[in-house]
Amino acid sequence: MASLDWSQCPAVESIPGKVSGAWVFRGTRVPVAAIFENLKTSPIEEVLENFHVTREQVQTVLDFAAKSADAPLETLRAG
C-alpha cells in the first residue's frame, strides 16, 4: 500500500494533525490501512459495521488499489 499515490483517490484524504496524517476515508478518522488489515480476516459486512464506512467508500478504495497495482511501476509514487 505504501507505493500507491493515495492523493489520486477521491475517497480518501490526509490532513496533518488528523490521525497523524494517515490516509483516512474522506470525512472520517478511519485509516485506509485499518480496512485493508481487517478485510484479511473479516467479511466486508463486519468491516463496514465496525468502522462505519460505506460499501461505496470501501469499493472505491479497493478499485483504486487494484487499478494502481496494474499500473507500470514507474507511474507509482510513494504516498
N, C-alpha and C. Protein backbone atom coordinates (compact mmCIF):
# COMPACT_ATOMS: atom_id res chain seq x y z
N MET A 1 0.80 -1.19 0.00
CA MET A 1 0.00 0.00 0.00
C MET A 1 0.85 1.27 0.00
N ALA A 2 2.04 1.21 0.55
CA ALA A 2 2.89 2.38 0.66
C ALA A 2 3.26 2.94 -0.71
N SER A 3 3.25 2.13 -1.75
CA SER A 3 3.67 2.61 -3.06
C SER A 3 2.53 3.27 -3.84
N LEU A 4 1.32 3.29 -3.30
CA LEU A 4 0.21 3.91 -4.00
C LEU A 4 0.17 5.41 -3.74
N ASP A 5 -0.18 6.18 -4.76
CA ASP A 5 -0.34 7.62 -4.62
C ASP A 5 -1.79 7.89 -4.23
N TRP A 6 -2.06 7.78 -2.93
CA TRP A 6 -3.43 7.92 -2.43
C TRP A 6 -4.02 9.28 -2.71
N SER A 7 -3.20 10.29 -3.00
CA SER A 7 -3.74 11.61 -3.30
C SER A 7 -4.60 11.60 -4.56
N GLN A 8 -4.48 10.56 -5.36
CA GLN A 8 -5.26 10.43 -6.59
C GLN A 8 -6.59 9.70 -6.37
N CYS A 9 -6.83 9.24 -5.16
CA CYS A 9 -8.07 8.50 -4.85
C CYS A 9 -9.07 9.47 -4.23
N PRO A 10 -10.23 9.64 -4.85
CA PRO A 10 -11.20 10.63 -4.36
C PRO A 10 -11.87 10.26 -3.03
N ALA A 11 -11.75 9.05 -2.59
CA ALA A 11 -12.44 8.60 -1.38
C ALA A 11 -11.63 8.83 -0.10
N VAL A 12 -10.38 9.28 -0.24
CA VAL A 12 -9.52 9.40 0.94
C VAL A 12 -8.90 10.79 1.04
N GLU A 13 -8.38 11.09 2.23
CA GLU A 13 -7.69 12.34 2.46
C GLU A 13 -6.63 12.15 3.53
N SER A 14 -5.64 13.01 3.52
CA SER A 14 -4.61 13.03 4.55
C SER A 14 -4.47 14.48 5.00
N ILE A 15 -4.76 14.70 6.28
CA ILE A 15 -4.69 16.05 6.83
C ILE A 15 -3.72 16.02 8.00
N PRO A 16 -2.67 16.85 7.93
CA PRO A 16 -1.72 16.88 9.06
C PRO A 16 -2.47 17.15 10.36
N GLY A 17 -2.16 16.39 11.38
CA GLY A 17 -2.81 16.55 12.67
C GLY A 17 -4.07 15.73 12.83
N LYS A 18 -4.56 15.15 11.77
CA LYS A 18 -5.74 14.27 11.82
C LYS A 18 -5.25 12.85 11.65
N VAL A 19 -5.35 12.05 12.69
CA VAL A 19 -4.87 10.67 12.71
C VAL A 19 -3.40 10.64 12.24
N SER A 20 -2.63 11.56 12.76
CA SER A 20 -1.19 11.67 12.47
C SER A 20 -0.89 11.78 10.98
N GLY A 21 -1.82 12.32 10.21
CA GLY A 21 -1.60 12.50 8.78
C GLY A 21 -1.79 11.25 7.95
N ALA A 22 -2.29 10.18 8.57
CA ALA A 22 -2.53 8.93 7.84
C ALA A 22 -3.63 9.14 6.79
N TRP A 23 -3.60 8.33 5.76
CA TRP A 23 -4.68 8.37 4.77
C TRP A 23 -5.92 7.77 5.41
N VAL A 24 -6.99 8.56 5.43
CA VAL A 24 -8.26 8.14 6.03
C VAL A 24 -9.37 8.32 5.01
N PHE A 25 -10.48 7.65 5.26
CA PHE A 25 -11.64 7.84 4.40
C PHE A 25 -12.13 9.28 4.57
N ARG A 26 -12.39 9.95 3.47
CA ARG A 26 -12.78 11.36 3.48
C ARG A 26 -13.93 11.60 4.45
N GLY A 27 -13.74 12.60 5.32
CA GLY A 27 -14.77 12.97 6.28
C GLY A 27 -14.84 12.08 7.51
N THR A 28 -13.86 11.18 7.65
CA THR A 28 -13.83 10.27 8.81
C THR A 28 -12.45 10.31 9.44
N ARG A 29 -12.29 9.51 10.47
CA ARG A 29 -10.98 9.29 11.08
C ARG A 29 -10.57 7.82 10.90
N VAL A 30 -11.18 7.14 9.94
CA VAL A 30 -10.92 5.72 9.71
C VAL A 30 -9.75 5.56 8.73
N PRO A 31 -8.63 5.03 9.21
CA PRO A 31 -7.47 4.83 8.33
C PRO A 31 -7.74 3.77 7.25
N VAL A 32 -7.29 4.08 6.05
CA VAL A 32 -7.41 3.14 4.94
C VAL A 32 -6.72 1.83 5.30
N ALA A 33 -5.55 1.92 5.93
CA ALA A 33 -4.79 0.72 6.29
C ALA A 33 -5.59 -0.20 7.21
N ALA A 34 -6.40 0.36 8.09
CA ALA A 34 -7.20 -0.46 9.01
C ALA A 34 -8.21 -1.31 8.25
N ILE A 35 -8.77 -0.75 7.19
CA ILE A 35 -9.75 -1.51 6.39
C ILE A 35 -9.05 -2.67 5.70
N PHE A 36 -7.90 -2.40 5.08
CA PHE A 36 -7.17 -3.48 4.42
C PHE A 36 -6.80 -4.59 5.40
N GLU A 37 -6.31 -4.22 6.56
CA GLU A 37 -5.93 -5.21 7.58
C GLU A 37 -7.13 -6.05 8.00
N ASN A 38 -8.25 -5.42 8.22
CA ASN A 38 -9.43 -6.14 8.69
C ASN A 38 -10.08 -6.98 7.60
N LEU A 39 -9.97 -6.57 6.35
CA LEU A 39 -10.54 -7.37 5.27
C LEU A 39 -9.78 -8.68 5.07
N LYS A 40 -8.57 -8.77 5.60
CA LYS A 40 -7.80 -10.02 5.52
C LYS A 40 -8.47 -11.14 6.31
N THR A 41 -9.16 -10.77 7.40
CA THR A 41 -9.69 -11.79 8.31
C THR A 41 -11.19 -11.70 8.57
N SER A 42 -11.83 -10.64 8.08
CA SER A 42 -13.25 -10.45 8.37
C SER A 42 -14.04 -10.21 7.10
N PRO A 43 -15.30 -10.64 7.09
CA PRO A 43 -16.15 -10.35 5.92
C PRO A 43 -16.42 -8.86 5.82
N ILE A 44 -16.67 -8.40 4.61
CA ILE A 44 -16.85 -6.97 4.39
C ILE A 44 -18.00 -6.40 5.21
N GLU A 45 -19.07 -7.17 5.41
CA GLU A 45 -20.21 -6.68 6.19
C GLU A 45 -19.78 -6.33 7.61
N GLU A 46 -18.93 -7.15 8.19
CA GLU A 46 -18.43 -6.91 9.54
C GLU A 46 -17.53 -5.67 9.57
N VAL A 47 -16.70 -5.52 8.57
CA VAL A 47 -15.81 -4.36 8.49
C VAL A 47 -16.65 -3.09 8.36
N LEU A 48 -17.65 -3.10 7.50
CA LEU A 48 -18.50 -1.93 7.31
C LEU A 48 -19.18 -1.54 8.61
N GLU A 49 -19.67 -2.52 9.33
CA GLU A 49 -20.36 -2.26 10.59
C GLU A 49 -19.40 -1.73 11.66
N ASN A 50 -18.24 -2.33 11.77
CA ASN A 50 -17.28 -1.95 12.80
C ASN A 50 -16.64 -0.59 12.57
N PHE A 51 -16.45 -0.21 11.31
CA PHE A 51 -15.73 1.03 11.02
C PHE A 51 -16.63 2.16 10.55
N HIS A 52 -17.88 1.90 10.34
CA HIS A 52 -18.84 2.94 9.94
C HIS A 52 -18.42 3.68 8.68
N VAL A 53 -18.00 2.90 7.70
CA VAL A 53 -17.75 3.42 6.36
C VAL A 53 -18.75 2.74 5.43
N THR A 54 -18.97 3.32 4.28
CA THR A 54 -19.94 2.74 3.36
C THR A 54 -19.28 1.73 2.43
N ARG A 55 -20.10 0.88 1.88
CA ARG A 55 -19.62 -0.09 0.89
C ARG A 55 -19.01 0.65 -0.31
N GLU A 56 -19.63 1.76 -0.69
CA GLU A 56 -19.13 2.53 -1.83
C GLU A 56 -17.74 3.11 -1.54
N GLN A 57 -17.52 3.59 -0.31
CA GLN A 57 -16.20 4.11 0.05
C GLN A 57 -15.15 3.01 -0.04
N VAL A 58 -15.47 1.87 0.53
CA VAL A 58 -14.52 0.75 0.51
C VAL A 58 -14.28 0.28 -0.92
N GLN A 59 -15.35 0.20 -1.71
CA GLN A 59 -15.20 -0.26 -3.09
C GLN A 59 -14.34 0.70 -3.90
N THR A 60 -14.50 2.00 -3.67
CA THR A 60 -13.68 2.99 -4.38
C THR A 60 -12.21 2.80 -4.06
N VAL A 61 -11.91 2.57 -2.79
CA VAL A 61 -10.51 2.36 -2.37
C VAL A 61 -9.97 1.05 -2.94
N LEU A 62 -10.76 0.00 -2.89
CA LEU A 62 -10.31 -1.28 -3.45
C LEU A 62 -10.08 -1.18 -4.96
N ASP A 63 -11.00 -0.51 -5.66
CA ASP A 63 -10.85 -0.33 -7.11
C ASP A 63 -9.59 0.48 -7.42
N PHE A 64 -9.36 1.54 -6.64
CA PHE A 64 -8.17 2.37 -6.84
C PHE A 64 -6.90 1.55 -6.63
N ALA A 65 -6.87 0.77 -5.56
CA ALA A 65 -5.70 -0.06 -5.27
C ALA A 65 -5.46 -1.08 -6.37
N ALA A 66 -6.53 -1.71 -6.84
CA ALA A 66 -6.39 -2.72 -7.90
C ALA A 66 -5.91 -2.07 -9.19
N LYS A 67 -6.48 -0.93 -9.54
CA LYS A 67 -6.07 -0.22 -10.75
C LYS A 67 -4.62 0.22 -10.65
N SER A 68 -4.22 0.72 -9.50
CA SER A 68 -2.85 1.16 -9.29
C SER A 68 -1.88 -0.01 -9.34
N ALA A 69 -2.30 -1.16 -8.85
CA ALA A 69 -1.43 -2.34 -8.86
C ALA A 69 -1.17 -2.80 -10.29
N ASP A 70 -2.10 -2.51 -11.19
CA ASP A 70 -1.95 -2.89 -12.60
C ASP A 70 -1.10 -1.89 -13.38
N ALA A 71 -0.87 -0.70 -12.80
CA ALA A 71 -0.10 0.35 -13.48
C ALA A 71 1.38 -0.03 -13.51
N PRO A 72 2.09 0.43 -14.52
CA PRO A 72 3.54 0.20 -14.55
C PRO A 72 4.19 0.81 -13.31
N LEU A 73 5.20 0.16 -12.78
CA LEU A 73 5.84 0.61 -11.53
C LEU A 73 6.34 2.05 -11.61
N GLU A 74 6.80 2.49 -12.77
CA GLU A 74 7.34 3.84 -12.83
C GLU A 74 6.26 4.92 -12.65
N THR A 75 4.99 4.56 -12.76
CA THR A 75 3.94 5.56 -12.58
C THR A 75 3.51 5.68 -11.11
N LEU A 76 3.96 4.76 -10.28
CA LEU A 76 3.58 4.80 -8.87
C LEU A 76 4.57 5.66 -8.10
N ARG A 77 4.05 6.38 -7.10
CA ARG A 77 4.90 7.21 -6.25
C ARG A 77 4.64 6.81 -4.82
N ALA A 78 5.64 7.02 -3.97
CA ALA A 78 5.44 6.75 -2.54
C ALA A 78 4.39 7.71 -2.03
N GLY A 79 3.43 7.17 -1.25
CA GLY A 79 2.35 8.02 -0.78
C GLY A 79 2.32 8.25 0.67
